[in-house]
Amino acid sequence: FEEFKHNDELKSYLSSEGIEMVYINFDDNIDEAKWLNSIRNNKLTGYHIRENESLMRDLAKNGFNNRLPTYMIIDEQGEVVESNAFRPSDKEKLYEQFKNLLKE
């Protein structure tokens, strides 16, 4: 949860660029209430989804390697445009990735 410390600044940057945060839960063993509490307790605003077989197949096709946490950048069409994004703690490098992708 170390990376969550950087969320406020990251959210501010993403919001200024019109970019949304999406969190994907890969923990099959966590119940719904515990998952939702974790979202609230860590102030994780944005979209939240839980993995399923279809999503896992799509992510695997796009470079997801089951290593968590994983940071990816996905475009408006749902295509993975960066399968190995920098972490929020690498903020300047991450922001540069976004800037380069927004130019394309």
Foldseek 3Di string as FASTA:
>chain_A
DVLLVLVVVVVVLCVVVVHFDEAEAADPPDDPVRVVVVCVVSVPDTHYYYDDPVVVVQLVVVPDDPDPPWDFDADPVRHTPGRHADGSVVVVRNVVVVVVVVVD
